[in-house]
C-alpha atoms as a PDB file:
ATOM      1  CA  MET A   1     141.485 152.209  59.772  1.00  0.00           C
ATOM      2  CA  ASN A   2     139.324 155.010  58.258  1.00  0.00           C
ATOM      3  CA  GLY A   3     137.877 156.328  61.421  1.00  0.00           C
ATOM      4  CA  LYS A   4     134.971 153.952  61.660  1.00  0.00           C
ATOM      5  CA  PHE A   5     134.413 151.379  63.704  1.00  0.00           C
ATOM      6  CA  GLU A   6     134.691 148.027  61.635  1.00  0.00           C
ATOM      7  CA  LYS A   7     131.404 145.739  61.790  1.00  0.00           C
ATOM      8  CA  GLY A   8     132.407 143.223  64.633  1.00  0.00           C
ATOM      9  CA  ASN A   9     134.983 144.731  66.151  1.00  0.00           C
ATOM     10  CA  LYS A  10     135.637 144.215  69.899  1.00  0.00           C
ATOM     11  CA  PHE A  11     137.447 147.302  71.095  1.00  0.00           C
ATOM     12  CA  TRP A  12     135.301 147.348  74.125  1.00  0.00           C
ATOM     13  CA  ASN A  13     137.258 144.228  75.252  1.00  0.00           C
ATOM     14  CA  ASN A  14     140.173 146.606  75.561  1.00  0.00           C
ATOM     15  CA  ARG A  15     138.891 148.052  78.587  1.00  0.00           C
ATOM     16  CA  SER A  16     140.810 147.491  81.586  1.00  0.00           C
ATOM     17  CA  LYS A  17     137.542 147.798  83.729  1.00  0.00           C
ATOM     18  CA  HIS A  18     133.887 147.966  83.251  1.00  0.00           C
ATOM     19  CA  GLY A  19     131.022 150.011  85.168  1.00  0.00           C
ATOM     20  CA  ARG A  20     131.739 152.560  88.338  1.00  0.00           C
ATOM     21  CA  ASP A  21     134.141 152.203  91.007  1.00  0.00           C
ATOM     22  CA  THR A  22     132.632 151.610  94.421  1.00  0.00           C
ATOM     23  CA  LEU A  23     133.210 154.978  96.382  1.00  0.00           C
ATOM     24  CA  PHE A  24     134.786 153.225  99.388  1.00  0.00           C
ATOM     25  CA  ALA A  25     136.972 150.231  99.899  1.00  0.00           C
ATOM     26  CA  ASN A  26     135.479 148.690 102.617  1.00  0.00           C
ATOM     27  CA  PRO A  27     132.534 149.050 104.811  1.00  0.00           C
ATOM     28  CA  GLY A  28     134.796 150.814 107.381  1.00  0.00           C
ATOM     29  CA  MET A  29     135.592 153.530 105.151  1.00  0.00           C
ATOM     30  CA  LEU A  30     131.695 154.282 104.563  1.00  0.00           C
ATOM     31  CA  TRP A  31     131.178 154.410 108.501  1.00  0.00           C
ATOM     32  CA  ASP A  32     133.716 156.780 109.045  1.00  0.00           C
ATOM     33  CA  ALA A  33     132.608 159.066 106.207  1.00  0.00           C
ATOM     34  CA  ALA A  34     129.226 158.711 107.410  1.00  0.00           C
ATOM     35  CA  CYS A  35     130.132 160.045 111.268  1.00  0.00           C
ATOM     36  CA  GLU A  36     132.403 162.759 109.384  1.00  0.00           C
ATOM     37  CA  TYR A  37     128.817 163.628 108.203  1.00  0.00           C
ATOM     38  CA  PHE A  38     127.115 163.527 111.253  1.00  0.00           C
ATOM     39  CA  GLU A  39     129.798 165.264 113.059  1.00  0.00           C
ATOM     40  CA  TRP A  40     129.930 168.150 110.680  1.00  0.00           C
ATOM     41  CA  VAL A  41     125.906 168.633 111.193  1.00  0.00           C
ATOM     42  CA  ASP A  42     126.216 168.458 114.966  1.00  0.00           C
ATOM     43  CA  GLU A  43     129.184 171.254 114.711  1.00  0.00           C
ATOM     44  CA  ASN A  44     127.197 173.408 111.949  1.00  0.00           C
ATOM     45  CA  PRO A  45     123.900 174.231 113.543  1.00  0.00           C
ATOM     46  CA  PHE A  46     121.649 176.631 111.590  1.00  0.00           C
ATOM     47  CA  ILE A  47     121.946 180.347 112.783  1.00  0.00           C
ATOM     48  CA  GLU A  48     118.651 182.020 113.806  1.00  0.00           C
ATOM     49  CA  ILE A  49     119.444 185.817 114.469  1.00  0.00           C
ATOM     50  CA  LYS A  50     116.913 187.453 116.764  1.00  0.00           C
ATOM     51  CA  PRO A  51     116.244 190.850 118.184  1.00  0.00           C
ATOM     52  CA  MET A  52     116.673 190.634 122.145  1.00  0.00           C
ATOM     53  CA  THR A  53     116.561 193.531 124.753  1.00  0.00           C
ATOM     54  CA  VAL A  54     119.615 193.576 126.557  1.00  0.00           C
ATOM     55  CA  SER A  55     119.838 195.454 130.164  1.00  0.00           C
ATOM     56  CA  ILE A  56     122.373 198.169 130.401  1.00  0.00           C
ATOM     57  CA  MET A  57     124.300 198.756 133.600  1.00  0.00           C
ATOM     58  CA  GLY A  58     122.986 202.152 135.180  1.00  0.00           C
ATOM     59  CA  GLY A  59     119.653 201.421 133.889  1.00  0.00           C
ATOM     60  CA  GLY A  60     117.556 201.255 130.935  1.00  0.00           C
ATOM     61  CA  SER A  61     117.885 198.951 127.333  1.00  0.00           C
ATOM     62  CA  ARG A  62     118.947 198.389 124.271  1.00  0.00           C
ATOM     63  CA  ILE A  63     117.924 195.760 121.321  1.00  0.00           C
ATOM     64  CA  GLU A  64     120.585 193.826 120.110  1.00  0.00           C
ATOM     65  CA  LEU A  65     120.642 191.476 117.490  1.00  0.00           C
ATOM     66  CA  VAL A  66     121.657 187.499 119.138  1.00  0.00           C
ATOM     67  CA  GLU A  67     122.595 184.794 117.305  1.00  0.00           C
ATOM     68  CA  ILE A  68     120.913 181.327 118.467  1.00  0.00           C
ATOM     69  CA  PRO A  69     122.276 178.096 117.262  1.00  0.00           C
ATOM     70  CA  ILE A  70     119.349 176.060 116.068  1.00  0.00           C
ATOM     71  CA  LYS A  71     119.806 171.630 115.774  1.00  0.00           C
ATOM     72  CA  ARG A  72     120.272 170.644 111.981  1.00  0.00           C
ATOM     73  CA  PRO A  73     118.813 167.143 111.434  1.00  0.00           C
ATOM     74  CA  PHE A  74     120.273 164.300 109.694  1.00  0.00           C
ATOM     75  CA  THR A  75     119.426 163.530 106.229  1.00  0.00           C
ATOM     76  CA  HIS A  76     119.968 161.000 103.433  1.00  0.00           C
ATOM     77  CA  ILE A  77     119.952 163.575 100.526  1.00  0.00           C
ATOM     78  CA  ALA A  78     122.740 165.619 102.601  1.00  0.00           C
ATOM     79  CA  LEU A  79     124.705 162.423 103.616  1.00  0.00           C
ATOM     80  CA  CYS A  80     124.742 161.462  99.822  1.00  0.00           C
ATOM     81  CA  SER A  81     126.014 165.078  98.883  1.00  0.00           C
ATOM     82  CA  HIS A  82     128.746 164.385 101.515  1.00  0.00           C
ATOM     83  CA  LEU A  83     129.742 161.070 100.495  1.00  0.00           C
ATOM     84  CA  ASN A  84     129.725 162.555  96.621  1.00  0.00           C
ATOM     85  CA  CYS A  85     127.133 159.918  95.558  1.00  0.00           C
ATOM     86  CA  SER A  86     123.605 160.387  94.537  1.00  0.00           C
ATOM     87  CA  PHE A  87     120.607 158.806  96.687  1.00  0.00           C
ATOM     88  CA  SER A  88     120.092 155.967  94.697  1.00  0.00           C
ATOM     89  CA  TYR A  89     123.669 154.998  94.599  1.00  0.00           C
ATOM     90  CA  PHE A  90     123.728 154.943  98.187  1.00  0.00           C
ATOM     91  CA  ARG A  91     119.799 152.956  98.128  1.00  0.00           C
ATOM     92  CA  ASN A  92     121.376 150.489  95.128  1.00  0.00           C
ATOM     93  CA  PHE A  93     123.215 148.741  98.199  1.00  0.00           C
ATOM     94  CA  LYS A  94     119.837 147.480  99.407  1.00  0.00           C
ATOM     95  CA  TYR A  95     117.983 146.719  96.330  1.00  0.00           C
ATOM     96  CA  GLU A  96     120.604 144.815  94.270  1.00  0.00           C
ATOM     97  CA  SER A  97     120.533 141.150  93.229  1.00  0.00           C
ATOM     98  CA  LYS A  98     120.747 138.323  95.763  1.00  0.00           C
ATOM     99  CA  GLU A  99     124.548 137.464  94.441  1.00  0.00           C
ATOM    100  CA  GLN A 100     125.564 141.358  94.474  1.00  0.00           C
ATOM    101  CA  LYS A 101     123.944 141.487  98.003  1.00  0.00           C
ATOM    102  CA  GLU A 102     126.079 138.622  99.407  1.00  0.00           C
ATOM    103  CA  LYS A 103     129.183 140.497  98.220  1.00  0.00           C
ATOM    104  CA  ARG A 104     128.020 143.616 100.050  1.00  0.00           C
ATOM    105  CA  ALA A 105     126.431 141.932 103.140  1.00  0.00           C
ATOM    106  CA  GLU A 106     129.017 144.128 105.067  1.00  0.00           C
ATOM    107  CA  PHE A 107     128.283 147.578 103.067  1.00  0.00           C
ATOM    108  CA  LEU A 108     124.649 146.512 104.086  1.00  0.00           C
ATOM    109  CA  ALA A 109     125.119 146.372 107.676  1.00  0.00           C
ATOM    110  CA  VAL A 110     126.849 149.610 107.629  1.00  0.00           C
ATOM    111  CA  ILE A 111     124.214 151.411 105.334  1.00  0.00           C
ATOM    112  CA  GLU A 112     121.375 149.972 107.967  1.00  0.00           C
ATOM    113  CA  GLN A 113     123.258 151.296 111.086  1.00  0.00           C
ATOM    114  CA  ILE A 114     123.681 154.838 108.981  1.00  0.00           C
ATOM    115  CA  GLU A 115     119.835 154.668 108.376  1.00  0.00           C
ATOM    116  CA  GLU A 116     119.111 153.968 111.995  1.00  0.00           C
ATOM    117  CA  THR A 117     121.160 156.752 112.994  1.00  0.00           C
ATOM    118  CA  ILE A 118     119.578 159.216 110.626  1.00  0.00           C
ATOM    119  CA  PHE A 119     116.130 157.736 111.972  1.00  0.00           C
ATOM    120  CA  ASN A 120     116.792 158.231 115.557  1.00  0.00           C
ATOM    121  CA  GLN A 121     118.160 161.591 115.671  1.00  0.00           C
ATOM    122  CA  LYS A 122     115.413 162.868 113.595  1.00  0.00           C
ATOM    123  CA  PHE A 123     112.582 161.098 115.867  1.00  0.00           C
ATOM    124  CA  GLU A 124     114.892 162.416 119.063  1.00  0.00           C
ATOM    125  CA  GLY A 125     115.173 165.795 117.971  1.00  0.00           C
ATOM    126  CA  ALA A 126     111.576 165.783 116.659  1.00  0.00           C
ATOM    127  CA  ALA A 127     110.339 164.113 120.390  1.00  0.00           C
ATOM    128  CA  ALA A 128     112.605 166.974 122.209  1.00  0.00           C
ATOM    129  CA  GLY A 129     111.347 169.814 120.146  1.00  0.00           C
ATOM    130  CA  PHE A 130     114.198 170.692 118.048  1.00  0.00           C
ATOM    131  CA  PHE A 131     112.662 170.196 114.979  1.00  0.00           C
ATOM    132  CA  ASN A 132     109.128 170.527 113.444  1.00  0.00           C
ATOM    133  CA  ALA A 133     107.278 167.222 114.655  1.00  0.00           C
ATOM    134  CA  ALA A 134     104.660 166.842 111.898  1.00  0.00           C
ATOM    135  CA  ILE A 135     107.521 167.423 109.395  1.00  0.00           C
ATOM    136  CA  ILE A 136     109.798 164.743 110.912  1.00  0.00           C
ATOM    137  CA  ALA A 137     106.778 162.437 111.540  1.00  0.00           C
ATOM    138  CA  SER A 138     105.948 163.014 107.829  1.00  0.00           C
ATOM    139  CA  ASP A 139     109.650 162.394 106.835  1.00  0.00           C
ATOM    140  CA  LEU A 140     110.007 159.399 108.527  1.00  0.00           C
ATOM    141  CA  GLY A 141     106.592 157.630 107.857  1.00  0.00           C
ATOM    142  CA  LEU A 142     104.992 157.700 111.119  1.00  0.00           C
ATOM    143  CA  LYS A 143     101.229 158.166 111.565  1.00  0.00           C
ATOM    144  CA  ASN A 144      99.037 159.146 114.637  1.00  0.00           C
ATOM    145  CA  ASN A 145      95.545 158.300 113.403  1.00  0.00           C
ATOM    146  CA  THR A 146      92.629 157.857 115.896  1.00  0.00           C
ATOM    147  CA  ASP A 147      89.627 155.690 114.240  1.00  0.00           C
ATOM    148  CA  LEU A 148      86.409 156.758 115.924  1.00  0.00           C
ATOM    149  CA  THR A 149      82.388 156.179 115.534  1.00  0.00           C
ATOM    150  CA  SER A 150      79.649 158.403 115.352  1.00  0.00           C
ATOM    151  CA  GLY A 151      76.250 157.413 114.758  1.00  0.00           C
ATOM    152  CA  GLY A 152      77.517 154.011 113.178  1.00  0.00           C
ATOM    153  CA  GLU A 153      79.936 155.825 110.649  1.00  0.00           C
ATOM    154  CA  LYS A 154      83.426 155.337 110.521  1.00  0.00           C
ATOM    155  CA  ILE A 155      85.168 158.761 111.164  1.00  0.00           C
ATOM    156  CA  ASN A 156      89.009 158.497 110.576  1.00  0.00           C
ATOM    157  CA  VAL A 157      90.564 161.591 112.212  1.00  0.00           C
ATOM    158  CA  SER A 158      94.616 162.783 112.160  1.00  0.00           C
ATOM    159  CA  ASN A 159      96.121 164.940 114.896  1.00  0.00           C
ATOM    160  CA  THR A 160      96.060 167.508 112.185  1.00  0.00           C
ATOM    161  CA  ILE A 161      92.239 167.566 112.232  1.00  0.00           C
ATOM    162  CA  ILE A 162      92.132 167.192 116.036  1.00  0.00           C
ATOM    163  CA  THR A 163      93.819 170.627 116.484  1.00  0.00           C
ATOM    164  CA  GLU A 164      91.358 172.290 114.439  1.00  0.00           C
ATOM    165  CA  LEU A 165      88.047 170.999 116.306  1.00  0.00           C
ATOM    166  CA  SER A 166      86.590 172.936 119.147  1.00  0.00           C
ATOM    167  CA  ASP A 167      86.964 171.880 122.841  1.00  0.00           C
ATOM    168  CA  GLN A 168      83.604 170.966 122.718  1.00  0.00           C
ATOM    169  CA  THR A 169      83.551 168.596 120.082  1.00  0.00           C
ATOM    170  CA  LEU A 170      86.790 167.129 121.432  1.00  0.00           C
ATOM    171  CA  ARG A 171      84.643 166.891 124.969  1.00  0.00           C
ATOM    172  CA  GLU A 172      81.964 164.809 122.696  1.00  0.00           C
ATOM    173  CA  ILE A 173      84.560 162.870 121.113  1.00  0.00           C
ATOM    174  CA  ALA A 174      86.179 161.612 124.434  1.00  0.00           C
ATOM    175  CA  ASP A 175      82.502 160.848 126.094  1.00  0.00           C
ATOM    176  CA  LYS A 176      81.736 158.554 123.169  1.00  0.00           C
ATOM    177  CA  LEU A 177      84.937 156.745 123.219  1.00  0.00           C
ATOM    178  CA  SER A 178      84.479 156.262 126.816  1.00  0.00           C
ATOM    179  CA  LYS A 179      81.129 154.861 126.451  1.00  0.00           C
ATOM    180  CA  ASP A 180      81.925 152.266 123.836  1.00  0.00           C
ATOM    181  CA  LYS A 181      84.200 150.781 126.157  1.00  0.00           C
END
């Protein structure tokens, strides 16, 4: 050979395998790896450093910097980083062809369980005030819109706009809603 492939060669057939290996031999291994990520997140909160006034015995006080642990939310991107895969690789389990889905049905069930765990931790964390509710609601695709009518015209008011309305305007809207019932 002169270093060039001959036309019509079939050297590619000599490969022992084609395509990328799966990262996990079975769904249980995927779940275990996801649980390792969840545990890591719980054990590694963000640290906020705040100045706090501390009383000194005998009278007086001084300011000290205090480390305050801040809960960290689960995220798909951080999970994928932990799993050493791209987000699209992880999501492909859900959107493969029907034949591939049937082969990976067990993986699909674990991926749905992982997604539900991430959703639930973010939702409950926002509801409890650990996370910024507006950011988490947006991330989870949640909306809180109220449709109002005023003078026959429909107005769509989201909670971000409501927080900017005056108390008087809010009372007027509430009165209008109660009269319409």
